[in-house]
């Protein structure tokens, strides 16, 4: 029997071969919507790496704005909304957005369909907190370099970007999804004028025992 991860890898390969490297997200979520597939990264809970980060610094929103990139089924978005952020959450997959709205009926999160590679103009440097968890690693290169640049441009002056991604060394074999990121790719998140606060090199303590980056950046309050 094909595992959810194997099924995702086959869809991704076909999508890349067709020169449409993001179409496989909608295929997975649409199939899951009809019970024909399982979303392999769905844990029905917010990322423990994000909740640990937020809890460590006593993060509260107090009505500030947040955006969750590639929100999937909404668990991370709901977590940050619960901390008091006015939260926007987007995904390229309309089926994912519908599923998030069903999972969290009556939510105050604004769920919407959007493409990280072609974002609305009024989102430019508009959010006090930008959350990117495991989306960049789901993109091959190209278009990942363009996506890295786009993520940084969401961060408002004085705002914060938090990123979670699988980690690898430059010489490691590249096979995906997920396509693990090098430290150079993490550093490239600062190209729009963001300042690195902390980059942590983490190891899972339970399966899949992966190595991960947790990276925090800030934009100076003057927007420079």
Protein backbone atom coordinates (compact mmCIF):
# COMPACT_ATOMS: atom_id res chain seq x y z
CA UNK A 1 0.00 0.00 0.00
CA UNK A 2 1.27 3.47 -0.90
CA UNK A 3 1.92 5.68 2.13
CA UNK A 4 0.68 9.29 2.24
CA UNK A 5 4.29 10.44 1.91
CA UNK A 6 4.87 8.28 -1.16
CA UNK A 7 1.64 9.51 -2.71
CA UNK A 8 2.69 13.13 -2.11
CA UNK A 9 6.11 12.48 -3.65
CA UNK A 10 4.53 11.04 -6.80
CA UNK A 11 2.20 14.01 -7.17
CA UNK A 12 5.07 16.43 -6.63
CA UNK A 13 7.22 14.70 -9.24
CA UNK A 14 4.42 14.85 -11.79
CA UNK A 15 3.77 18.50 -10.98
CA UNK A 16 7.43 19.41 -11.43
CA UNK A 17 7.63 17.44 -14.68
CA UNK A 18 4.68 19.45 -15.96
CA UNK A 19 6.53 22.69 -15.09
CA UNK A 20 3.92 23.56 -12.46
CA UNK A 21 5.72 22.86 -9.17
CA UNK A 22 2.92 24.05 -6.88
CA UNK A 23 -0.12 22.32 -8.41
CA UNK A 24 0.36 19.18 -6.34
CA UNK A 25 -0.77 20.95 -3.16
CA UNK A 26 -4.29 21.38 -4.49
CA UNK A 27 -4.29 17.79 -5.75
CA UNK A 28 -3.53 16.46 -2.27
CA UNK A 29 -6.02 18.67 -0.44
CA UNK A 30 -8.76 18.09 -3.03
CA UNK A 31 -8.32 14.33 -2.76
CA UNK A 32 -8.35 14.57 1.05
CA UNK A 33 -11.57 16.58 0.84
CA UNK A 34 -13.29 13.60 -0.78
CA UNK A 35 -11.63 11.01 1.45
CA UNK A 36 -9.37 9.69 -1.31
CA UNK A 37 -6.09 10.73 0.27
CA UNK A 38 -4.46 11.73 3.55
CA UNK A 39 -2.53 14.97 3.96
CA UNK A 40 0.81 13.58 5.18
CA UNK A 41 1.80 16.65 7.22
CA UNK A 42 -1.53 17.06 9.02
CA UNK A 43 -1.00 16.60 12.78
CA UNK A 44 -4.31 18.25 13.84
CA UNK A 45 -2.30 20.46 16.20
CA UNK A 46 -0.03 23.50 15.92
CA UNK A 47 3.67 22.92 15.37
CA UNK A 48 5.36 22.18 18.67
CA UNK A 49 8.43 24.01 17.38
CA UNK A 50 6.34 27.17 16.96
CA UNK A 51 4.50 26.84 20.26
CA UNK A 52 7.81 26.28 22.06
CA UNK A 53 9.26 29.41 20.45
CA UNK A 54 6.23 31.53 21.29
CA UNK A 55 6.02 30.21 24.85
CA UNK A 56 9.72 30.82 25.50
CA UNK A 57 9.28 34.54 24.99
CA UNK A 58 5.77 34.91 26.34
CA UNK A 59 4.51 36.05 22.95
CA UNK A 60 1.21 37.91 22.88
CA UNK A 61 -0.47 39.62 19.97
CA UNK A 62 -2.44 42.44 21.61
CA UNK A 63 -4.25 43.00 18.33
CA UNK A 64 -1.12 43.17 16.19
CA UNK A 65 -1.29 41.57 12.73
CA UNK A 66 0.01 38.12 11.81
CA UNK A 67 0.06 36.12 8.61
CA UNK A 68 0.57 32.37 8.31
CA UNK A 69 2.17 31.30 5.03
CA UNK A 70 0.90 28.06 3.48
CA UNK A 71 -1.58 27.63 6.31
CA UNK A 72 -2.83 24.19 5.28
CA UNK A 73 -5.60 23.08 7.62
CA UNK A 74 -5.23 26.04 9.95
CA UNK A 75 -3.77 24.71 13.19
CA UNK A 76 -0.87 27.17 13.38
CA UNK A 77 -3.11 30.08 12.39
CA UNK A 78 -5.57 29.28 15.16
CA UNK A 79 -2.75 29.09 17.69
CA UNK A 80 -1.46 32.58 16.88
CA UNK A 81 -4.99 33.95 16.74
CA UNK A 82 -5.44 32.52 20.23
CA UNK A 83 -2.41 34.53 21.38
CA UNK A 84 -4.23 37.71 20.39
CA UNK A 85 -2.97 38.37 16.86
CA UNK A 86 -5.36 39.59 14.16
CA UNK A 87 -4.51 36.71 11.88
CA UNK A 88 -4.58 36.20 8.12
CA UNK A 89 -3.81 32.70 6.87
CA UNK A 90 -3.36 31.79 3.23
CA UNK A 91 -2.72 28.78 1.09
CA UNK A 92 -2.37 28.28 -2.65
CA UNK A 93 -4.87 25.42 -2.41
CA UNK A 94 -8.56 26.45 -2.32
CA UNK A 95 -9.38 23.00 -0.94
CA UNK A 96 -7.01 23.56 1.98
CA UNK A 97 -8.65 26.89 2.78
CA UNK A 98 -12.12 25.31 2.72
CA UNK A 99 -10.91 22.48 4.95
CA UNK A 100 -9.45 24.95 7.47
CA UNK A 101 -12.73 26.85 7.57
CA UNK A 102 -14.60 23.60 8.19
CA UNK A 103 -12.17 22.52 10.89
CA UNK A 104 -12.53 25.86 12.68
CA UNK A 105 -16.09 27.12 12.11
CA UNK A 106 -16.66 30.59 13.49
CA UNK A 107 -12.92 31.30 13.64
CA UNK A 108 -11.74 34.91 13.69
CA UNK A 109 -8.85 33.97 11.37
CA UNK A 110 -9.17 35.37 7.86
CA UNK A 111 -8.55 32.34 5.65
CA UNK A 112 -7.91 33.12 2.01
CA UNK A 113 -6.42 31.63 -1.15
CA UNK A 114 -3.20 33.31 -2.28
CA UNK A 115 0.04 32.45 -4.04
CA UNK A 116 3.29 33.18 -2.20
CA UNK A 117 4.90 33.89 -5.58
CA UNK A 118 2.28 36.50 -6.49
CA UNK A 119 1.00 38.12 -3.29
CA UNK A 120 -1.54 40.94 -3.02
CA UNK A 121 0.12 44.34 -3.22
CA UNK A 122 -1.37 45.56 0.05
CA UNK A 123 0.40 42.75 1.93
CA UNK A 124 3.82 44.27 1.18
CA UNK A 125 5.59 44.74 4.56
CA UNK A 126 2.17 44.74 6.21
CA UNK A 127 2.37 42.14 9.02
CA UNK A 128 3.84 42.39 12.50
CA UNK A 129 4.39 38.62 12.65
CA UNK A 130 5.04 36.36 9.66
CA UNK A 131 4.89 32.61 10.30
CA UNK A 132 6.43 30.28 7.71
CA UNK A 133 6.40 26.67 8.86
CA UNK A 134 7.41 23.91 6.44
CA UNK A 135 6.21 25.66 3.25
CA UNK A 136 9.57 26.64 1.72
CA UNK A 137 10.78 23.07 2.17
CA UNK A 138 7.81 21.87 0.12
CA UNK A 139 9.06 23.83 -2.91
CA UNK A 140 11.83 22.70 -5.23
CA UNK A 141 14.26 25.25 -6.63
CA UNK A 142 13.01 26.92 -8.71
CA UNK A 143 10.77 28.49 -7.46
CA UNK A 144 12.12 28.35 -3.89
CA UNK A 145 14.57 31.25 -4.27
CA UNK A 146 11.68 33.49 -5.34
CA UNK A 147 9.56 32.22 -2.46
CA UNK A 148 12.32 33.00 0.06
CA UNK A 149 12.44 36.59 -1.20
CA UNK A 150 8.66 36.89 -1.09
CA UNK A 151 8.36 35.70 2.52
CA UNK A 152 10.63 38.47 3.78
CA UNK A 153 8.62 41.16 2.02
CA UNK A 154 5.59 40.38 4.19
CA UNK A 155 7.32 41.64 7.36
CA UNK A 156 6.34 45.14 8.50
CA UNK A 157 8.80 47.64 10.03
CA UNK A 158 9.47 46.42 13.56
CA UNK A 159 7.97 43.04 12.69
CA UNK A 160 9.19 39.47 13.16
CA UNK A 161 9.58 36.50 10.83
CA UNK A 162 9.71 32.97 12.27
CA UNK A 163 10.62 30.11 9.94
CA UNK A 164 10.66 26.34 10.45
CA UNK A 165 12.24 24.08 7.83
CA UNK A 166 14.11 20.81 7.43
CA UNK A 167 17.89 21.35 7.46
CA UNK A 168 20.74 19.95 5.38
CA UNK A 169 24.37 20.58 4.57
CA UNK A 170 25.22 21.82 1.03
CA UNK A 171 26.86 18.50 0.15
CA UNK A 172 23.91 16.40 1.31
CA UNK A 173 21.77 14.75 -1.38
CA UNK A 174 18.64 16.71 -2.28
CA UNK A 175 15.53 14.59 -2.55
CA UNK A 176 12.02 15.61 -1.76
CA UNK A 177 9.49 16.53 -0.84
CA UNK A 178 10.48 17.89 1.54
CA UNK A 179 13.55 19.56 0.07
CA UNK A 180 15.62 20.48 3.11
CA UNK A 181 17.18 23.96 3.23
CA UNK A 182 20.83 24.85 3.62
CA UNK A 183 22.03 27.50 6.05
CA UNK A 184 22.72 29.76 3.04
CA UNK A 185 19.05 29.55 2.08
CA UNK A 186 18.04 30.42 5.64
CA UNK A 187 20.42 33.38 5.60
CA UNK A 188 18.85 34.53 2.31
CA UNK A 189 15.63 35.25 4.20
CA UNK A 190 17.33 38.46 5.33
CA UNK A 191 17.83 39.79 1.80
CA UNK A 192 14.94 42.28 2.08
CA UNK A 193 16.60 44.08 4.98
CA UNK A 194 15.66 41.72 7.81
CA UNK A 195 18.07 41.29 10.71
CA UNK A 196 18.88 37.81 11.97
CA UNK A 197 17.91 37.37 15.61
CA UNK A 198 18.57 33.67 16.09
CA UNK A 199 19.02 30.57 13.93
CA UNK A 200 18.70 27.29 15.83
CA UNK A 201 19.89 23.92 14.52
CA UNK A 202 17.47 21.43 16.09
CA UNK A 203 17.01 17.68 16.15
CA UNK A 204 13.74 15.83 16.58
CA UNK A 205 13.54 13.67 19.68
CA UNK A 206 10.83 11.47 18.17
CA UNK A 207 10.17 10.15 14.64
CA UNK A 208 10.90 11.26 11.94
CA UNK A 209 14.09 12.29 13.82
CA UNK A 210 14.75 15.07 11.35
CA UNK A 211 17.19 17.95 11.59
CA UNK A 212 15.47 21.34 11.45
CA UNK A 213 16.13 25.06 11.33
CA UNK A 214 14.17 27.44 13.52
CA UNK A 215 15.06 30.92 12.34
CA UNK A 216 13.91 34.28 13.68
CA UNK A 217 14.40 37.58 11.86
CA UNK A 218 13.26 41.15 12.50
CA UNK A 219 12.83 44.20 10.34
CA UNK A 220 14.21 47.40 11.90
CA UNK A 221 11.44 49.69 13.09
CA UNK A 222 12.50 52.36 10.62
CA UNK A 223 11.85 49.88 7.79
CA UNK A 224 15.37 50.17 6.39
